[in-house]
């Protein structure tokens, strides 16, 4: 979780609004949570959104086709 926080801070500091950010499942942060709520048609207060398009990675590479931007991923460990 510490690294997700660091990645989120990096995104906020280095990625301009109106940019696409793809987030892997294990990188969920508050911004992705709000994007997920919106995808479920839950009303999200405008001030909770930062203007970036967050694509939630559910292991569906097709969601990234035709897109350019940034990605946040983590190494998956098997247990």
PDB file of N, CA and C in Angstrom:
ATOM      1  N   UNK A   1       0.821  -1.193   0.000  1.00  0.00           N
ATOM      2  CA  UNK A   1       0.000   0.000   0.000  1.00  0.00           C
ATOM      3  C   UNK A   1       0.867   1.260   0.000  1.00  0.00           C
ATOM      4  N   UNK A   2       2.017   1.178   0.630  1.00  0.00           N
ATOM      5  CA  UNK A   2       2.911   2.335   0.650  1.00  0.00           C
ATOM      6  C   UNK A   2       3.294   2.737  -0.781  1.00  0.00           C
ATOM      7  N   UNK A   3       3.611   1.747  -1.617  1.00  0.00           N
ATOM      8  CA  UNK A   3       4.004   2.044  -2.996  1.00  0.00           C
ATOM      9  C   UNK A   3       2.846   2.581  -3.822  1.00  0.00           C
ATOM     10  N   UNK A   4       1.619   2.150  -3.519  1.00  0.00           N
ATOM     11  CA  UNK A   4       0.451   2.700  -4.212  1.00  0.00           C
ATOM     12  C   UNK A   4       0.331   4.183  -3.876  1.00  0.00           C
ATOM     13  N   UNK A   5       0.579   4.532  -2.627  1.00  0.00           N
ATOM     14  CA  UNK A   5       0.547   5.938  -2.224  1.00  0.00           C
ATOM     15  C   UNK A   5       1.615   6.742  -2.965  1.00  0.00           C
ATOM     16  N   UNK A   6       2.815   6.196  -3.056  1.00  0.00           N
ATOM     17  CA  UNK A   6       3.897   6.886  -3.773  1.00  0.00           C
ATOM     18  C   UNK A   6       3.538   7.044  -5.247  1.00  0.00           C
ATOM     19  N   UNK A   7       2.991   5.990  -5.852  1.00  0.00           N
ATOM     20  CA  UNK A   7       2.596   6.068  -7.264  1.00  0.00           C
ATOM     21  C   UNK A   7       1.502   7.105  -7.470  1.00  0.00           C
ATOM     22  N   UNK A   8       0.548   7.164  -6.557  1.00  0.00           N
ATOM     23  CA  UNK A   8      -0.525   8.157  -6.657  1.00  0.00           C
ATOM     24  C   UNK A   8       0.045   9.567  -6.582  1.00  0.00           C
ATOM     25  N   UNK A   9       0.966   9.799  -5.667  1.00  0.00           N
ATOM     26  CA  UNK A   9       1.598  11.115  -5.563  1.00  0.00           C
ATOM     27  C   UNK A   9       2.345  11.462  -6.844  1.00  0.00           C
ATOM     28  N   UNK A  10       3.024  10.469  -7.440  1.00  0.00           N
ATOM     29  CA  UNK A  10       3.751  10.707  -8.681  1.00  0.00           C
ATOM     30  C   UNK A  10       2.781  11.078  -9.797  1.00  0.00           C
ATOM     31  N   UNK A  11       1.677  10.358  -9.886  1.00  0.00           N
ATOM     32  CA  UNK A  11       0.674  10.653 -10.913  1.00  0.00           C
ATOM     33  C   UNK A  11       0.172  12.081 -10.748  1.00  0.00           C
ATOM     34  N   UNK A  12      -0.179  12.470  -9.534  1.00  0.00           N
ATOM     35  CA  UNK A  12      -0.704  13.822  -9.291  1.00  0.00           C
ATOM     36  C   UNK A  12       0.320  14.905  -9.634  1.00  0.00           C
ATOM     37  N   UNK A  13       1.608  14.610  -9.442  1.00  0.00           N
ATOM     38  CA  UNK A  13       2.660  15.595  -9.692  1.00  0.00           C
ATOM     39  C   UNK A  13       3.131  15.635 -11.134  1.00  0.00           C
ATOM     40  N   UNK A  14       2.991  14.531 -11.880  1.00  0.00           N
ATOM     41  CA  UNK A  14       3.612  14.430 -13.200  1.00  0.00           C
ATOM     42  C   UNK A  14       2.664  14.196 -14.367  1.00  0.00           C
ATOM     43  N   UNK A  15       1.442  13.858 -14.087  1.00  0.00           N
ATOM     44  CA  UNK A  15       0.490  13.548 -15.155  1.00  0.00           C
ATOM     45  C   UNK A  15      -0.564  14.643 -15.198  1.00  0.00           C
ATOM     46  N   UNK A  16      -0.651  15.293 -16.340  1.00  0.00           N
ATOM     47  CA  UNK A  16      -1.598  16.404 -16.478  1.00  0.00           C
ATOM     48  C   UNK A  16      -3.037  15.909 -16.455  1.00  0.00           C
ATOM     49  N   UNK A  17      -3.958  16.765 -15.970  1.00  0.00           N
ATOM     50  CA  UNK A  17      -5.374  16.414 -16.063  1.00  0.00           C
ATOM     51  C   UNK A  17      -5.761  16.158 -17.513  1.00  0.00           C
ATOM     52  N   UNK A  18      -6.823  15.433 -17.708  1.00  0.00           N
ATOM     53  CA  UNK A  18      -7.326  15.029 -19.031  1.00  0.00           C
ATOM     54  C   UNK A  18      -6.398  14.022 -19.696  1.00  0.00           C
ATOM     55  N   UNK A  19      -5.569  13.352 -18.901  1.00  0.00           N
ATOM     56  CA  UNK A  19      -4.696  12.298 -19.382  1.00  0.00           C
ATOM     57  C   UNK A  19      -5.289  10.965 -18.966  1.00  0.00           C
ATOM     58  N   UNK A  20      -5.045   9.948 -19.764  1.00  0.00           N
ATOM     59  CA  UNK A  20      -5.509   8.606 -19.425  1.00  0.00           C
ATOM     60  C   UNK A  20      -4.471   7.926 -18.533  1.00  0.00           C
ATOM     61  N   UNK A  21      -4.947   7.329 -17.453  1.00  0.00           N
ATOM     62  CA  UNK A  21      -4.087   6.565 -16.546  1.00  0.00           C
ATOM     63  C   UNK A  21      -4.718   5.190 -16.380  1.00  0.00           C
ATOM     64  N   UNK A  22      -3.992   4.162 -16.767  1.00  0.00           N
ATOM     65  CA  UNK A  22      -4.477   2.792 -16.598  1.00  0.00           C
ATOM     66  C   UNK A  22      -3.932   2.268 -15.274  1.00  0.00           C
ATOM     67  N   UNK A  23      -4.798   1.730 -14.479  1.00  0.00           N
ATOM     68  CA  UNK A  23      -4.421   1.265 -13.150  1.00  0.00           C
ATOM     69  C   UNK A  23      -4.705  -0.223 -13.042  1.00  0.00           C
ATOM     70  N   UNK A  24      -3.694  -0.985 -12.683  1.00  0.00           N
ATOM     71  CA  UNK A  24      -3.871  -2.421 -12.476  1.00  0.00           C
ATOM     72  C   UNK A  24      -4.646  -2.653 -11.177  1.00  0.00           C
ATOM     73  N   UNK A  25      -5.263  -3.805 -11.096  1.00  0.00           N
ATOM     74  CA  UNK A  25      -6.099  -4.146  -9.949  1.00  0.00           C
ATOM     75  C   UNK A  25      -5.386  -3.912  -8.620  1.00  0.00           C
ATOM     76  N   UNK A  26      -4.136  -4.302  -8.518  1.00  0.00           N
ATOM     77  CA  UNK A  26      -3.410  -4.181  -7.250  1.00  0.00           C
ATOM     78  C   UNK A  26      -2.874  -2.772  -6.991  1.00  0.00           C
ATOM     79  N   UNK A  27      -3.184  -1.824  -7.868  1.00  0.00           N
ATOM     80  CA  UNK A  27      -2.756  -0.429  -7.676  1.00  0.00           C
ATOM     81  C   UNK A  27      -3.936   0.472  -7.323  1.00  0.00           C
ATOM     82  N   UNK A  28      -5.057  -0.101  -6.958  1.00  0.00           N
ATOM     83  CA  UNK A  28      -6.225   0.722  -6.657  1.00  0.00           C
ATOM     84  C   UNK A  28      -5.869   1.812  -5.665  1.00  0.00           C
ATOM     85  N   UNK A  29      -6.325   3.010  -5.968  1.00  0.00           N
ATOM     86  CA  UNK A  29      -6.140   4.155  -5.085  1.00  0.00           C
ATOM     87  C   UNK A  29      -7.481   4.887  -5.019  1.00  0.00           C
ATOM     88  N   UNK A  30      -7.588   5.970  -4.275  1.00  0.00           N
ATOM     89  CA  UNK A  30      -8.886   6.654  -4.184  1.00  0.00           C
ATOM     90  C   UNK A  30      -9.447   7.074  -5.537  1.00  0.00           C
ATOM     91  N   UNK A  31      -8.605   7.528  -6.457  1.00  0.00           N
ATOM     92  CA  UNK A  31      -9.090   7.967  -7.766  1.00  0.00           C
ATOM     93  C   UNK A  31      -9.737   6.810  -8.524  1.00  0.00           C
ATOM     94  N   UNK A  32      -9.144   5.645  -8.435  1.00  0.00           N
ATOM     95  CA  UNK A  32      -9.696   4.470  -9.115  1.00  0.00           C
ATOM     96  C   UNK A  32     -10.987   4.038  -8.433  1.00  0.00           C
ATOM     97  N   UNK A  33     -11.039   4.153  -7.133  1.00  0.00           N
ATOM     98  CA  UNK A  33     -12.265   3.828  -6.413  1.00  0.00           C
ATOM     99  C   UNK A  33     -13.416   4.693  -6.915  1.00  0.00           C
ATOM    100  N   UNK A  34     -13.175   5.995  -7.062  1.00  0.00           N
ATOM    101  CA  UNK A  34     -14.224   6.887  -7.575  1.00  0.00           C
ATOM    102  C   UNK A  34     -14.588   6.537  -9.016  1.00  0.00           C
ATOM    103  N   UNK A  35     -13.599   6.194  -9.847  1.00  0.00           N
ATOM    104  CA  UNK A  35     -13.893   5.781 -11.226  1.00  0.00           C
ATOM    105  C   UNK A  35     -14.742   4.520 -11.233  1.00  0.00           C
ATOM    106  N   UNK A  36     -14.430   3.594 -10.332  1.00  0.00           N
ATOM    107  CA  UNK A  36     -15.204   2.361 -10.232  1.00  0.00           C
ATOM    108  C   UNK A  36     -16.645   2.665  -9.816  1.00  0.00           C
ATOM    109  N   UNK A  37     -16.812   3.558  -8.824  1.00  0.00           N
ATOM    110  CA  UNK A  37     -18.162   3.932  -8.410  1.00  0.00           C
ATOM    111  C   UNK A  37     -18.948   4.523  -9.580  1.00  0.00           C
ATOM    112  N   UNK A  38     -18.287   5.411 -10.347  1.00  0.00           N
ATOM    113  CA  UNK A  38     -18.962   6.008 -11.511  1.00  0.00           C
ATOM    114  C   UNK A  38     -19.376   4.940 -12.508  1.00  0.00           C
ATOM    115  N   UNK A  39     -18.524   3.915 -12.709  1.00  0.00           N
ATOM    116  CA  UNK A  39     -18.861   2.848 -13.659  1.00  0.00           C
ATOM    117  C   UNK A  39     -20.089   2.064 -13.193  1.00  0.00           C
ATOM    118  N   UNK A  40     -20.368   2.104 -11.882  1.00  0.00           N
ATOM    119  CA  UNK A  40     -21.559   1.446 -11.329  1.00  0.00           C
ATOM    120  C   UNK A  40     -22.744   2.405 -11.278  1.00  0.00           C
ATOM    121  N   UNK A  41     -22.572   3.599 -11.877  1.00  0.00           N
ATOM    122  CA  UNK A  41     -23.594   4.642 -11.947  1.00  0.00           C
ATOM    123  C   UNK A  41     -23.948   5.208 -10.574  1.00  0.00           C
ATOM    124  N   UNK A  42     -22.956   5.235  -9.688  1.00  0.00           N
ATOM    125  CA  UNK A  42     -23.111   5.881  -8.387  1.00  0.00           C
ATOM    126  C   UNK A  42     -22.693   7.336  -8.552  1.00  0.00           C
ATOM    127  N   UNK A  43     -23.455   8.245  -8.006  1.00  0.00           N
ATOM    128  CA  UNK A  43     -23.119   9.661  -8.097  1.00  0.00           C
ATOM    129  C   UNK A  43     -21.880   9.946  -7.251  1.00  0.00           C
ATOM    130  N   UNK A  44     -20.897  10.559  -7.895  1.00  0.00           N
ATOM    131  CA  UNK A  44     -19.651  10.916  -7.228  1.00  0.00           C
ATOM    132  C   UNK A  44     -19.545  12.440  -7.236  1.00  0.00           C
ATOM    133  N   UNK A  45     -19.264  13.070  -6.089  1.00  0.00           N
ATOM    134  CA  UNK A  45     -19.142  14.529  -6.069  1.00  0.00           C
ATOM    135  C   UNK A  45     -18.038  14.993  -7.012  1.00  0.00           C
ATOM    136  N   UNK A  46     -18.282  16.051  -7.795  1.00  0.00           N
ATOM    137  CA  UNK A  46     -17.282  16.527  -8.755  1.00  0.00           C
ATOM    138  C   UNK A  46     -15.923  16.828  -8.128  1.00  0.00           C
ATOM    139  N   UNK A  47     -15.906  17.307  -6.895  1.00  0.00           N
ATOM    140  CA  UNK A  47     -14.629  17.646  -6.265  1.00  0.00           C
ATOM    141  C   UNK A  47     -13.793  16.412  -5.940  1.00  0.00           C
ATOM    142  N   UNK A  48     -14.402  15.234  -6.002  1.00  0.00           N
ATOM    143  CA  UNK A  48     -13.644  13.993  -5.762  1.00  0.00           C
ATOM    144  C   UNK A  48     -12.838  13.579  -6.992  1.00  0.00           C
ATOM    145  N   UNK A  49     -13.182  14.129  -8.149  1.00  0.00           N
ATOM    146  CA  UNK A  49     -12.524  13.752  -9.400  1.00  0.00           C
ATOM    147  C   UNK A  49     -11.425  14.749  -9.734  1.00  0.00           C
ATOM    148  N   UNK A  50     -10.327  14.257 -10.319  1.00  0.00           N
ATOM    149  CA  UNK A  50      -9.198  15.152 -10.602  1.00  0.00           C
ATOM    150  C   UNK A  50      -9.016  15.469 -12.084  1.00  0.00           C
ATOM    151  N   UNK A  51      -9.955  15.053 -12.921  1.00  0.00           N
ATOM    152  CA  UNK A  51      -9.895  15.388 -14.336  1.00  0.00           C
ATOM    153  C   UNK A  51      -9.171  14.375 -15.205  1.00  0.00           C
ATOM    154  N   UNK A  52      -8.537  13.383 -14.610  1.00  0.00           N
ATOM    155  CA  UNK A  52      -7.866  12.336 -15.382  1.00  0.00           C
ATOM    156  C   UNK A  52      -8.842  11.197 -15.648  1.00  0.00           C
ATOM    157  N   UNK A  53      -8.629  10.489 -16.743  1.00  0.00           N
ATOM    158  CA  UNK A  53      -9.442   9.316 -17.044  1.00  0.00           C
ATOM    159  C   UNK A  53      -8.706   8.100 -16.494  1.00  0.00           C
ATOM    160  N   UNK A  54      -9.294   7.439 -15.509  1.00  0.00           N
ATOM    161  CA  UNK A  54      -8.681   6.255 -14.922  1.00  0.00           C
ATOM    162  C   UNK A  54      -9.333   5.011 -15.509  1.00  0.00           C
ATOM    163  N   UNK A  55      -8.524   4.196 -16.152  1.00  0.00           N
ATOM    164  CA  UNK A  55      -8.996   2.919 -16.683  1.00  0.00           C
ATOM    165  C   UNK A  55      -8.605   1.828 -15.702  1.00  0.00           C
ATOM    166  N   UNK A  56      -9.579   1.102 -15.248  1.00  0.00           N
ATOM    167  CA  UNK A  56      -9.323   0.059 -14.269  1.00  0.00           C
ATOM    168  C   UNK A  56      -8.961  -1.219 -14.995  1.00  0.00           C
ATOM    169  N   UNK A  57      -7.802  -1.751 -14.675  1.00  0.00           N
ATOM    170  CA  UNK A  57      -7.332  -2.967 -15.332  1.00  0.00           C
ATOM    171  C   UNK A  57      -7.871  -4.210 -14.685  1.00  0.00           C
ATOM    172  N   UNK A  58      -8.828  -4.830 -15.327  1.00  0.00           N
ATOM    173  CA  UNK A  58      -9.361  -6.107 -14.871  1.00  0.00           C
ATOM    174  C   UNK A  58      -8.795  -7.202 -15.751  1.00  0.00           C
ATOM    175  N   UNK A  59      -7.512  -7.063 -16.137  1.00  0.00           N
ATOM    176  CA  UNK A  59      -6.839  -8.025 -17.018  1.00  0.00           C
ATOM    177  C   UNK A  59      -7.498  -8.073 -18.388  1.00  0.00           C
ATOM    178  N   UNK A  60      -8.018  -6.942 -18.819  1.00  0.00           N
ATOM    179  CA  UNK A  60      -8.636  -6.846 -20.136  1.00  0.00           C
ATOM    180  C   UNK A  60      -7.832  -5.856 -20.967  1.00  0.00           C
ATOM    181  N   UNK A  61      -6.856  -6.365 -21.689  1.00  0.00           N
ATOM    182  CA  UNK A  61      -6.011  -5.514 -22.501  1.00  0.00           C
ATOM    183  C   UNK A  61      -6.775  -4.739 -23.545  1.00  0.00           C
ATOM    184  N   UNK A  62      -7.941  -5.239 -23.944  1.00  0.00           N
ATOM    185  CA  UNK A  62      -8.723  -4.553 -24.975  1.00  0.00           C
ATOM    186  C   UNK A  62      -9.140  -3.157 -24.525  1.00  0.00           C
ATOM    187  N   UNK A  63      -9.246  -2.932 -23.223  1.00  0.00           N
ATOM    188  CA  UNK A  63      -9.618  -1.603 -22.718  1.00  0.00           C
ATOM    189  C   UNK A  63      -8.553  -0.572 -23.030  1.00  0.00           C
ATOM    190  N   UNK A  64      -7.329  -1.029 -23.311  1.00  0.00           N
ATOM    191  CA  UNK A  64      -6.226  -0.111 -23.583  1.00  0.00           C
ATOM    192  C   UNK A  64      -6.018   0.149 -25.068  1.00  0.00           C
ATOM    193  N   UNK A  65      -6.684  -0.589 -25.918  1.00  0.00           N
ATOM    194  CA  UNK A  65      -6.484  -0.422 -27.360  1.00  0.00           C
ATOM    195  C   UNK A  65      -6.869   0.989 -27.785  1.00  0.00           C
ATOM    196  N   UNK A  66      -5.980   1.601 -28.557  1.00  0.00           N
ATOM    197  CA  UNK A  66      -6.223   2.944 -29.069  1.00  0.00           C
ATOM    198  C   UNK A  66      -5.979   4.043 -28.050  1.00  0.00           C
ATOM    199  N   UNK A  67      -5.463   3.700 -26.883  1.00  0.00           N
ATOM    200  CA  UNK A  67      -5.215   4.686 -25.833  1.00  0.00           C
ATOM    201  C   UNK A  67      -3.717   4.923 -25.685  1.00  0.00           C
ATOM    202  N   UNK A  68      -3.365   6.090 -25.204  1.00  0.00           N
ATOM    203  CA  UNK A  68      -1.987   6.369 -24.814  1.00  0.00           C
ATOM    204  C   UNK A  68      -2.064   7.136 -23.509  1.00  0.00           C
ATOM    205  N   UNK A  69      -1.036   6.994 -22.703  1.00  0.00           N
ATOM    206  CA  UNK A  69      -1.035   7.671 -21.411  1.00  0.00           C
ATOM    207  C   UNK A  69      -0.071   6.988 -20.479  1.00  0.00           C
ATOM    208  N   UNK A  70      -0.461   6.831 -19.241  1.00  0.00           N
ATOM    209  CA  UNK A  70       0.394   6.266 -18.209  1.00  0.00           C
ATOM    210  C   UNK A  70      -0.273   5.029 -17.628  1.00  0.00           C
ATOM    211  N   UNK A  71       0.553   4.154 -17.053  1.00  0.00           N
ATOM    212  CA  UNK A  71       0.021   2.955 -16.403  1.00  0.00           C
ATOM    213  C   UNK A  71       0.688   2.776 -15.045  1.00  0.00           C
ATOM    214  N   UNK A  72      -0.087   2.299 -14.098  1.00  0.00           N
ATOM    215  CA  UNK A  72       0.413   1.948 -12.782  1.00  0.00           C
ATOM    216  C   UNK A  72       0.179   0.457 -12.616  1.00  0.00           C
ATOM    217  N   UNK A  73       1.249  -0.292 -12.471  1.00  0.00           N
ATOM    218  CA  UNK A  73       1.112  -1.738 -12.329  1.00  0.00           C
ATOM    219  C   UNK A  73       1.975  -2.221 -11.161  1.00  0.00           C
ATOM    220  N   UNK A  74       1.664  -3.404 -10.702  1.00  0.00           N
ATOM    221  CA  UNK A  74       2.469  -4.017  -9.645  1.00  0.00           C
ATOM    222  C   UNK A  74       2.775  -5.444 -10.055  1.00  0.00           C
ATOM    223  N   UNK A  75       3.783  -5.985  -9.441  1.00  0.00           N
ATOM    224  CA  UNK A  75       4.113  -7.375  -9.667  1.00  0.00           C
ATOM    225  C   UNK A  75       3.120  -8.230  -8.893  1.00  0.00           C
ATOM    226  N   UNK A  76       2.537  -9.202  -9.548  1.00  0.00           N
ATOM    227  CA  UNK A  76       1.616 -10.099  -8.877  1.00  0.00           C
ATOM    228  C   UNK A  76       2.386 -11.253  -8.278  1.00  0.00           C
ATOM    229  N   UNK A  77       2.076 -11.565  -7.051  1.00  0.00           N
ATOM    230  CA  UNK A  77       2.741 -12.688  -6.429  1.00  0.00           C
ATOM    231  C   UNK A  77       1.743 -13.820  -6.243  1.00  0.00           C
ATOM    232  N   UNK A  78       2.184 -15.027  -6.487  1.00  0.00           N
ATOM    233  CA  UNK A  78       1.328 -16.195  -6.323  1.00  0.00           C
ATOM    234  C   UNK A  78       1.555 -16.775  -4.938  1.00  0.00           C
ATOM    235  N   UNK A  79       0.496 -17.175  -4.317  1.00  0.00           N
ATOM    236  CA  UNK A  79       0.613 -17.771  -2.985  1.00  0.00           C
ATOM    237  C   UNK A  79       0.013 -19.151  -2.973  1.00  0.00           C
TER     238      UNK A  79
END
